[in-house]
Amino acid sequence: MNTYRRLVVATDFSALGNRAVRVAYVQAWPNESQLVICHALNEESTQWLLSHPNPTKRNEVELAHAFMRSLVAPDEQKPGINIVTKVLRGKPADSIIELAQEVRAELIVAGTHGRDGIERLMLGSVAEALVRGAPCSVLVVRDSNESMEPV
């Protein structure tokens, strides 16, 4: 089993992104590790704010930090894992890669929505860009409800 001491996990606050955080937490434990949970704020990524009463640009960073901290409940936290939250600006893949370089990450964990066709061309694939450009290993988490048909 690989042991990782510095991990970056990206969430877009979707169920799949939040599942990636849980997967990363398992990868970090039982080591003395730093787990950096990040979210890249941009026009597409702030849809989760619409569910919050009276969202404003001013409090979106504070809300993002609070939401990331809530993804690992205090009663689930294990000793030895230092959890840090980071709010990034700009294109998600570029920002995540830059953060991974900054913290010298050994592993990036991210979910993939498995878009294809025109939807993928329009939205791009953050997971694919991470795999191509990351300075370390990348663990891509898929939706557990997706069929696992051979490619």
N, C-alpha and C. Protein backbone atom coordinates (compact mmCIF):
# COMPACT_ATOMS: atom_id res chain seq x y z
N MET A 1 0.84 -1.18 0.00
CA MET A 1 0.00 0.00 0.00
C MET A 1 0.88 1.24 0.00
N ASN A 2 0.53 2.20 -0.84
CA ASN A 2 1.28 3.45 -0.89
C ASN A 2 0.99 4.28 0.35
N THR A 3 1.99 5.01 0.79
CA THR A 3 1.79 5.94 1.89
C THR A 3 2.06 7.34 1.37
N TYR A 4 1.11 8.20 1.60
CA TYR A 4 1.21 9.58 1.13
C TYR A 4 1.20 10.51 2.32
N ARG A 5 2.14 11.45 2.33
CA ARG A 5 2.22 12.39 3.44
C ARG A 5 1.67 13.77 3.08
N ARG A 6 1.61 14.08 1.79
CA ARG A 6 1.07 15.36 1.35
C ARG A 6 0.10 15.10 0.20
N LEU A 7 -1.18 15.34 0.48
CA LEU A 7 -2.22 15.07 -0.49
C LEU A 7 -3.03 16.34 -0.75
N VAL A 8 -3.44 16.50 -1.99
CA VAL A 8 -4.36 17.57 -2.38
C VAL A 8 -5.61 16.89 -2.91
N VAL A 9 -6.76 17.31 -2.42
CA VAL A 9 -8.03 16.78 -2.94
C VAL A 9 -8.89 17.95 -3.35
N ALA A 10 -9.46 17.83 -4.54
CA ALA A 10 -10.29 18.90 -5.10
C ALA A 10 -11.76 18.50 -4.98
N THR A 11 -12.58 19.46 -4.57
CA THR A 11 -14.02 19.23 -4.56
C THR A 11 -14.72 20.38 -5.26
N ASP A 12 -15.76 20.04 -5.98
CA ASP A 12 -16.62 21.05 -6.59
C ASP A 12 -17.94 21.13 -5.81
N PHE A 13 -17.97 20.48 -4.66
CA PHE A 13 -19.11 20.42 -3.74
C PHE A 13 -20.26 19.59 -4.29
N SER A 14 -20.02 18.84 -5.33
CA SER A 14 -21.01 17.87 -5.79
C SER A 14 -20.86 16.63 -4.91
N ALA A 15 -21.81 15.71 -4.99
CA ALA A 15 -21.71 14.47 -4.22
C ALA A 15 -20.43 13.72 -4.59
N LEU A 16 -20.07 13.74 -5.86
CA LEU A 16 -18.86 13.05 -6.30
C LEU A 16 -17.60 13.75 -5.79
N GLY A 17 -17.58 15.07 -5.83
CA GLY A 17 -16.44 15.81 -5.30
C GLY A 17 -16.26 15.57 -3.81
N ASN A 18 -17.37 15.51 -3.08
CA ASN A 18 -17.30 15.25 -1.65
C ASN A 18 -16.87 13.81 -1.37
N ARG A 19 -17.25 12.89 -2.24
CA ARG A 19 -16.78 11.50 -2.12
C ARG A 19 -15.26 11.43 -2.31
N ALA A 20 -14.74 12.25 -3.21
CA ALA A 20 -13.29 12.29 -3.42
C ALA A 20 -12.57 12.71 -2.14
N VAL A 21 -13.17 13.61 -1.37
CA VAL A 21 -12.57 14.02 -0.09
C VAL A 21 -12.49 12.83 0.85
N ARG A 22 -13.54 12.04 0.92
CA ARG A 22 -13.52 10.87 1.81
C ARG A 22 -12.47 9.85 1.35
N VAL A 23 -12.35 9.66 0.04
CA VAL A 23 -11.33 8.74 -0.49
C VAL A 23 -9.94 9.25 -0.14
N ALA A 24 -9.71 10.55 -0.30
CA ALA A 24 -8.40 11.12 0.03
C ALA A 24 -8.09 10.97 1.51
N TYR A 25 -9.10 11.13 2.35
CA TYR A 25 -8.90 11.01 3.80
C TYR A 25 -8.43 9.59 4.14
N VAL A 26 -9.03 8.60 3.49
CA VAL A 26 -8.62 7.21 3.71
C VAL A 26 -7.18 7.01 3.24
N GLN A 27 -6.80 7.65 2.13
CA GLN A 27 -5.43 7.54 1.63
C GLN A 27 -4.43 8.19 2.58
N ALA A 28 -4.86 9.23 3.27
CA ALA A 28 -3.97 9.95 4.19
C ALA A 28 -3.77 9.20 5.50
N TRP A 29 -4.78 8.48 5.94
CA TRP A 29 -4.73 7.78 7.22
C TRP A 29 -4.15 6.40 7.03
N PRO A 30 -3.32 5.85 7.88
CA PRO A 30 -2.97 6.27 9.24
C PRO A 30 -1.66 7.05 9.32
N ASN A 31 -1.24 7.64 8.26
CA ASN A 31 0.04 8.35 8.23
C ASN A 31 -0.05 9.71 8.93
N GLU A 32 1.09 10.24 9.28
CA GLU A 32 1.19 11.65 9.69
C GLU A 32 1.18 12.42 8.38
N SER A 33 0.01 12.91 7.99
CA SER A 33 -0.15 13.50 6.65
C SER A 33 -0.78 14.88 6.72
N GLN A 34 -0.54 15.62 5.64
CA GLN A 34 -1.24 16.88 5.43
C GLN A 34 -2.21 16.66 4.28
N LEU A 35 -3.48 16.92 4.54
CA LEU A 35 -4.52 16.81 3.53
C LEU A 35 -5.03 18.21 3.22
N VAL A 36 -4.78 18.65 1.99
CA VAL A 36 -5.22 19.97 1.57
C VAL A 36 -6.48 19.79 0.74
N ILE A 37 -7.61 20.25 1.28
CA ILE A 37 -8.88 20.20 0.57
C ILE A 37 -9.05 21.54 -0.14
N CYS A 38 -9.28 21.49 -1.46
CA CYS A 38 -9.37 22.75 -2.19
C CYS A 38 -10.61 22.81 -3.06
N HIS A 39 -10.98 24.04 -3.35
CA HIS A 39 -12.10 24.32 -4.25
C HIS A 39 -11.71 25.53 -5.10
N ALA A 40 -11.89 25.42 -6.39
CA ALA A 40 -11.56 26.53 -7.29
C ALA A 40 -12.83 27.32 -7.58
N LEU A 41 -12.82 28.58 -7.18
CA LEU A 41 -13.95 29.46 -7.44
C LEU A 41 -13.84 30.05 -8.83
N ASN A 42 -14.89 29.89 -9.60
CA ASN A 42 -15.02 30.55 -10.89
C ASN A 42 -16.50 30.60 -11.22
N GLU A 43 -16.88 31.12 -12.34
CA GLU A 43 -18.30 31.29 -12.67
C GLU A 43 -19.07 29.98 -12.59
N GLU A 44 -18.51 28.90 -13.12
CA GLU A 44 -19.21 27.62 -13.14
C GLU A 44 -19.28 26.98 -11.77
N SER A 45 -18.29 27.25 -10.92
CA SER A 45 -18.20 26.51 -9.66
C SER A 45 -19.00 27.12 -8.52
N THR A 46 -19.64 28.26 -8.72
CA THR A 46 -20.33 28.89 -7.61
C THR A 46 -21.83 28.58 -7.58
N GLN A 47 -22.27 27.61 -8.34
CA GLN A 47 -23.68 27.22 -8.33
C GLN A 47 -24.12 26.75 -6.94
N TRP A 48 -23.24 26.14 -6.18
CA TRP A 48 -23.58 25.67 -4.83
C TRP A 48 -23.97 26.82 -3.92
N LEU A 49 -23.51 28.04 -4.23
CA LEU A 49 -23.85 29.19 -3.40
C LEU A 49 -25.33 29.54 -3.49
N LEU A 50 -25.97 29.16 -4.59
CA LEU A 50 -27.38 29.51 -4.78
C LEU A 50 -28.26 28.88 -3.71
N SER A 51 -27.80 27.77 -3.11
CA SER A 51 -28.59 27.13 -2.06
C SER A 51 -28.42 27.83 -0.71
N HIS A 52 -27.47 28.75 -0.61
CA HIS A 52 -27.22 29.47 0.63
C HIS A 52 -28.05 30.76 0.63
N PRO A 53 -28.69 31.07 1.77
CA PRO A 53 -29.47 32.30 1.79
C PRO A 53 -28.57 33.53 1.64
N ASN A 54 -29.00 34.45 0.79
CA ASN A 54 -28.30 35.72 0.57
C ASN A 54 -26.83 35.56 0.19
N PRO A 55 -26.53 34.78 -0.86
CA PRO A 55 -25.12 34.64 -1.24
C PRO A 55 -24.56 35.95 -1.79
N THR A 56 -23.32 36.23 -1.47
CA THR A 56 -22.65 37.41 -2.01
C THR A 56 -21.24 37.02 -2.39
N LYS A 57 -20.65 37.79 -3.28
CA LYS A 57 -19.25 37.54 -3.66
C LYS A 57 -18.34 37.68 -2.44
N ARG A 58 -18.73 38.57 -1.54
CA ARG A 58 -17.88 38.84 -0.38
C ARG A 58 -17.75 37.64 0.54
N ASN A 59 -18.82 36.87 0.71
CA ASN A 59 -18.74 35.76 1.65
C ASN A 59 -18.54 34.40 0.98
N GLU A 60 -18.36 34.36 -0.33
CA GLU A 60 -18.21 33.07 -0.99
C GLU A 60 -16.95 32.33 -0.54
N VAL A 61 -15.87 33.03 -0.27
CA VAL A 61 -14.64 32.39 0.19
C VAL A 61 -14.85 31.81 1.58
N GLU A 62 -15.47 32.58 2.46
CA GLU A 62 -15.74 32.11 3.82
C GLU A 62 -16.66 30.89 3.79
N LEU A 63 -17.70 30.93 2.96
CA LEU A 63 -18.61 29.79 2.84
C LEU A 63 -17.90 28.56 2.29
N ALA A 64 -17.03 28.76 1.31
CA ALA A 64 -16.28 27.63 0.74
C ALA A 64 -15.40 26.97 1.79
N HIS A 65 -14.69 27.78 2.60
CA HIS A 65 -13.87 27.20 3.67
C HIS A 65 -14.73 26.42 4.66
N ALA A 66 -15.85 26.99 5.08
CA ALA A 66 -16.72 26.32 6.04
C ALA A 66 -17.26 25.01 5.46
N PHE A 67 -17.64 25.03 4.18
CA PHE A 67 -18.17 23.84 3.55
C PHE A 67 -17.08 22.76 3.47
N MET A 68 -15.86 23.15 3.10
CA MET A 68 -14.77 22.16 3.02
C MET A 68 -14.48 21.56 4.39
N ARG A 69 -14.46 22.40 5.43
CA ARG A 69 -14.21 21.88 6.78
C ARG A 69 -15.30 20.90 7.21
N SER A 70 -16.52 21.11 6.75
CA SER A 70 -17.63 20.24 7.14
C SER A 70 -17.57 18.87 6.47
N LEU A 71 -16.75 18.71 5.43
CA LEU A 71 -16.69 17.44 4.70
C LEU A 71 -16.05 16.33 5.52
N VAL A 72 -15.23 16.69 6.49
CA VAL A 72 -14.68 15.69 7.42
C VAL A 72 -15.14 16.11 8.81
N ALA A 73 -16.17 15.45 9.29
CA ALA A 73 -16.76 15.80 10.59
C ALA A 73 -15.72 15.62 11.70
N PRO A 74 -15.78 16.49 12.72
CA PRO A 74 -14.82 16.40 13.83
C PRO A 74 -14.75 15.00 14.46
N ASP A 75 -15.88 14.31 14.58
CA ASP A 75 -15.86 12.98 15.19
C ASP A 75 -15.25 11.92 14.27
N GLU A 76 -15.05 12.24 12.98
CA GLU A 76 -14.41 11.32 12.04
C GLU A 76 -12.91 11.57 11.91
N GLN A 77 -12.42 12.70 12.43
CA GLN A 77 -11.02 13.06 12.25
C GLN A 77 -10.12 12.18 13.11
N LYS A 78 -9.05 11.75 12.50
CA LYS A 78 -8.06 10.90 13.16
C LYS A 78 -6.85 11.74 13.53
N PRO A 79 -6.20 11.40 14.64
CA PRO A 79 -4.98 12.14 14.99
C PRO A 79 -3.89 11.91 13.94
N GLY A 80 -3.09 12.92 13.71
CA GLY A 80 -1.98 12.79 12.78
C GLY A 80 -2.28 13.29 11.38
N ILE A 81 -3.54 13.62 11.09
CA ILE A 81 -3.87 14.16 9.78
C ILE A 81 -4.18 15.64 9.94
N ASN A 82 -3.33 16.46 9.35
CA ASN A 82 -3.51 17.90 9.39
C ASN A 82 -4.35 18.31 8.18
N ILE A 83 -5.56 18.80 8.41
CA ILE A 83 -6.45 19.20 7.33
C ILE A 83 -6.35 20.70 7.13
N VAL A 84 -6.09 21.09 5.89
CA VAL A 84 -5.99 22.49 5.50
C VAL A 84 -6.99 22.71 4.37
N THR A 85 -7.67 23.86 4.37
CA THR A 85 -8.57 24.17 3.27
C THR A 85 -8.01 25.35 2.48
N LYS A 86 -8.16 25.29 1.18
CA LYS A 86 -7.68 26.35 0.29
C LYS A 86 -8.77 26.68 -0.73
N VAL A 87 -9.00 27.95 -0.89
CA VAL A 87 -9.91 28.43 -1.95
C VAL A 87 -9.02 28.99 -3.05
N LEU A 88 -9.21 28.45 -4.24
CA LEU A 88 -8.38 28.83 -5.38
C LEU A 88 -9.21 29.68 -6.34
N ARG A 89 -8.53 30.46 -7.16
CA ARG A 89 -9.18 31.28 -8.18
C ARG A 89 -8.67 30.85 -9.53
N GLY A 90 -9.52 30.93 -10.52
CA GLY A 90 -9.09 30.64 -11.88
C GLY A 90 -9.56 29.29 -12.37
N LYS A 91 -8.94 28.85 -13.45
CA LYS A 91 -9.30 27.56 -14.04
C LYS A 91 -8.99 26.46 -13.02
N PRO A 92 -9.94 25.58 -12.75
CA PRO A 92 -9.73 24.58 -11.71
C PRO A 92 -8.46 23.74 -11.89
N ALA A 93 -8.26 23.15 -13.05
CA ALA A 93 -7.10 22.27 -13.23
C ALA A 93 -5.79 23.01 -13.03
N ASP A 94 -5.66 24.19 -13.64
CA ASP A 94 -4.43 24.96 -13.50
C ASP A 94 -4.18 25.34 -12.05
N SER A 95 -5.23 25.76 -11.35
CA SER A 95 -5.10 26.16 -9.95
C SER A 95 -4.72 24.99 -9.05
N ILE A 96 -5.31 23.83 -9.31
CA ILE A 96 -5.03 22.64 -8.51
C ILE A 96 -3.59 22.18 -8.74
N ILE A 97 -3.14 22.19 -9.98
CA ILE A 97 -1.76 21.81 -10.30
C ILE A 97 -0.78 22.75 -9.62
N GLU A 98 -1.07 24.05 -9.67
CA GLU A 98 -0.20 25.03 -9.02
C GLU A 98 -0.14 24.79 -7.51
N LEU A 99 -1.29 24.50 -6.90
CA LEU A 99 -1.32 24.20 -5.46
C LEU A 99 -0.52 22.94 -5.16
N ALA A 100 -0.67 21.91 -5.97
CA ALA A 100 0.06 20.66 -5.76
C ALA A 100 1.57 20.90 -5.81
N GLN A 101 2.01 21.75 -6.74
CA GLN A 101 3.43 22.09 -6.81
C GLN A 101 3.86 22.85 -5.56
N GLU A 102 3.04 23.78 -5.13
CA GLU A 102 3.36 24.62 -3.97
C GLU A 102 3.53 23.80 -2.69
N VAL A 103 2.65 22.83 -2.47
CA VAL A 103 2.72 22.02 -1.24
C VAL A 103 3.54 20.74 -1.42
N ARG A 104 4.09 20.57 -2.63
CA ARG A 104 4.86 19.37 -2.97
C ARG A 104 4.04 18.10 -2.71
N ALA A 105 2.83 18.11 -3.26
CA ALA A 105 1.91 16.98 -3.09
C ALA A 105 2.47 15.72 -3.70
N GLU A 106 2.18 14.62 -3.06
CA GLU A 106 2.55 13.30 -3.56
C GLU A 106 1.37 12.62 -4.26
N LEU A 107 0.17 13.15 -4.01
CA LEU A 107 -1.03 12.60 -4.62
C LEU A 107 -2.09 13.69 -4.72
N ILE A 108 -2.76 13.73 -5.86
CA ILE A 108 -3.95 14.56 -6.06
C ILE A 108 -5.13 13.61 -6.20
N VAL A 109 -6.22 13.90 -5.50
CA VAL A 109 -7.44 13.11 -5.61
C VAL A 109 -8.53 14.04 -6.14
N ALA A 110 -9.25 13.57 -7.16
CA ALA A 110 -10.33 14.38 -7.74
C ALA A 110 -11.39 13.45 -8.31
N GLY A 111 -12.61 13.93 -8.29
CA GLY A 111 -13.70 13.18 -8.90
C GLY A 111 -13.80 13.48 -10.38
N THR A 112 -14.42 12.57 -11.10
CA THR A 112 -14.71 12.82 -12.50
C THR A 112 -16.17 12.50 -12.74
N HIS A 113 -16.84 13.40 -13.43
CA HIS A 113 -18.25 13.20 -13.72
C HIS A 113 -18.44 12.34 -14.97
N GLY A 114 -17.35 12.01 -15.65
CA GLY A 114 -17.42 11.12 -16.80
C GLY A 114 -18.21 11.68 -17.97
N ARG A 115 -18.14 12.98 -18.16
CA ARG A 115 -18.84 13.58 -19.29
C ARG A 115 -18.16 13.14 -20.59
N ASP A 116 -18.94 13.07 -21.62
CA ASP A 116 -18.34 12.78 -22.92
C ASP A 116 -19.09 13.55 -24.00
N GLY A 117 -18.65 13.38 -25.21
CA GLY A 117 -19.31 14.04 -26.33
C GLY A 117 -19.23 15.55 -26.26
N ILE A 118 -20.30 16.19 -26.66
CA ILE A 118 -20.33 17.66 -26.76
C ILE A 118 -20.22 18.29 -25.38
N GLU A 119 -20.79 17.64 -24.35
CA GLU A 119 -20.71 18.19 -22.99
C GLU A 119 -19.25 18.29 -22.54
N ARG A 120 -18.44 17.29 -22.88
CA ARG A 120 -17.02 17.31 -22.51
C ARG A 120 -16.28 18.39 -23.28
N LEU A 121 -16.63 18.55 -24.57
CA LEU A 121 -15.98 19.58 -25.37
C LEU A 121 -16.31 20.97 -24.83
N MET A 122 -17.54 21.16 -24.37
CA MET A 122 -17.97 22.47 -23.87
C MET A 122 -17.38 22.76 -22.50
N LEU A 123 -17.38 21.77 -21.61
CA LEU A 123 -16.97 21.99 -20.23
C LEU A 123 -15.52 21.60 -19.97
N GLY A 124 -14.96 20.75 -20.82
CA GLY A 124 -13.61 20.27 -20.58
C GLY A 124 -13.62 19.20 -19.51
N SER A 125 -12.48 18.69 -19.20
CA SER A 125 -12.37 17.67 -18.17
C SER A 125 -11.25 18.05 -17.23
N VAL A 126 -11.63 18.47 -16.03
CA VAL A 126 -10.63 18.83 -15.02
C VAL A 126 -9.77 17.61 -14.69
N ALA A 127 -10.42 16.46 -14.52
CA ALA A 127 -9.67 15.24 -14.18
C ALA A 127 -8.63 14.91 -15.25
N GLU A 128 -9.03 15.01 -16.51
CA GLU A 128 -8.08 14.71 -17.59
C GLU A 128 -6.91 15.70 -17.58
N ALA A 129 -7.20 16.97 -17.37
CA ALA A 129 -6.13 17.98 -17.32
C ALA A 129 -5.21 17.73 -16.13
N LEU A 130 -5.75 17.27 -15.01
CA LEU A 130 -4.91 16.95 -13.86
C LEU A 130 -3.99 15.77 -14.16
N VAL A 131 -4.55 14.75 -14.77
CA VAL A 131 -3.74 13.56 -15.10
C VAL A 131 -2.61 13.94 -16.05
N ARG A 132 -2.89 14.81 -17.01
CA ARG A 132 -1.88 15.21 -18.00
C ARG A 132 -0.83 16.17 -17.43
N GLY A 133 -1.23 17.05 -16.49
CA GLY A 133 -0.31 18.11 -16.07
C GLY A 133 0.19 18.06 -14.65
N ALA A 134 -0.28 17.12 -13.87
CA ALA A 134 0.08 17.09 -12.45
C ALA A 134 1.54 16.72 -12.22
N PRO A 135 2.13 17.29 -11.17
CA PRO A 135 3.52 16.97 -10.84
C PRO A 135 3.65 15.70 -10.00
N CYS A 136 2.53 15.00 -9.79
CA CYS A 136 2.54 13.81 -8.93
C CYS A 136 1.46 12.85 -9.43
N SER A 137 1.28 11.77 -8.69
CA SER A 137 0.23 10.81 -9.03
C SER A 137 -1.14 11.44 -8.85
N VAL A 138 -2.12 10.96 -9.64
CA VAL A 138 -3.49 11.44 -9.55
C VAL A 138 -4.40 10.23 -9.39
N LEU A 139 -5.27 10.31 -8.38
CA LEU A 139 -6.28 9.28 -8.16
C LEU A 139 -7.62 9.89 -8.57
N VAL A 140 -8.24 9.30 -9.59
CA VAL A 140 -9.51 9.80 -10.10
C VAL A 140 -10.62 8.93 -9.54
N VAL A 141 -11.58 9.57 -8.89
CA VAL A 141 -12.71 8.88 -8.26
C VAL A 141 -13.91 9.00 -9.17
N ARG A 142 -14.49 7.86 -9.50
CA ARG A 142 -15.68 7.84 -10.35
C ARG A 142 -16.90 7.64 -9.49
N ASP A 143 -18.05 7.96 -10.06
CA ASP A 143 -19.31 7.73 -9.38
C ASP A 143 -19.50 6.23 -9.19
N SER A 144 -19.81 5.81 -7.98
CA SER A 144 -19.96 4.39 -7.70
C SER A 144 -21.19 3.80 -8.40
N ASN A 145 -22.10 4.64 -8.90
CA ASN A 145 -23.28 4.16 -9.60
C ASN A 145 -23.03 3.95 -11.08
N GLU A 146 -21.89 4.41 -11.58
CA GLU A 146 -21.58 4.24 -12.99
C GLU A 146 -21.29 2.78 -13.29
N SER A 147 -21.68 2.33 -14.46
CA SER A 147 -21.33 0.97 -14.85
C SER A 147 -19.84 0.91 -15.14
N MET A 148 -19.26 -0.19 -14.87
CA MET A 148 -17.81 -0.37 -15.07
C MET A 148 -17.57 -1.22 -16.31
N GLU A 149 -18.08 -0.76 -17.44
CA GLU A 149 -17.90 -1.48 -18.69
C GLU A 149 -16.47 -1.32 -19.16
N PRO A 150 -15.89 -2.39 -19.71
CA PRO A 150 -14.52 -2.28 -20.24
C PRO A 150 -14.48 -1.30 -21.39
N VAL A 151 -13.36 -0.60 -21.50
CA VAL A 151 -13.19 0.37 -22.59
C VAL A 151 -12.48 -0.28 -23.74
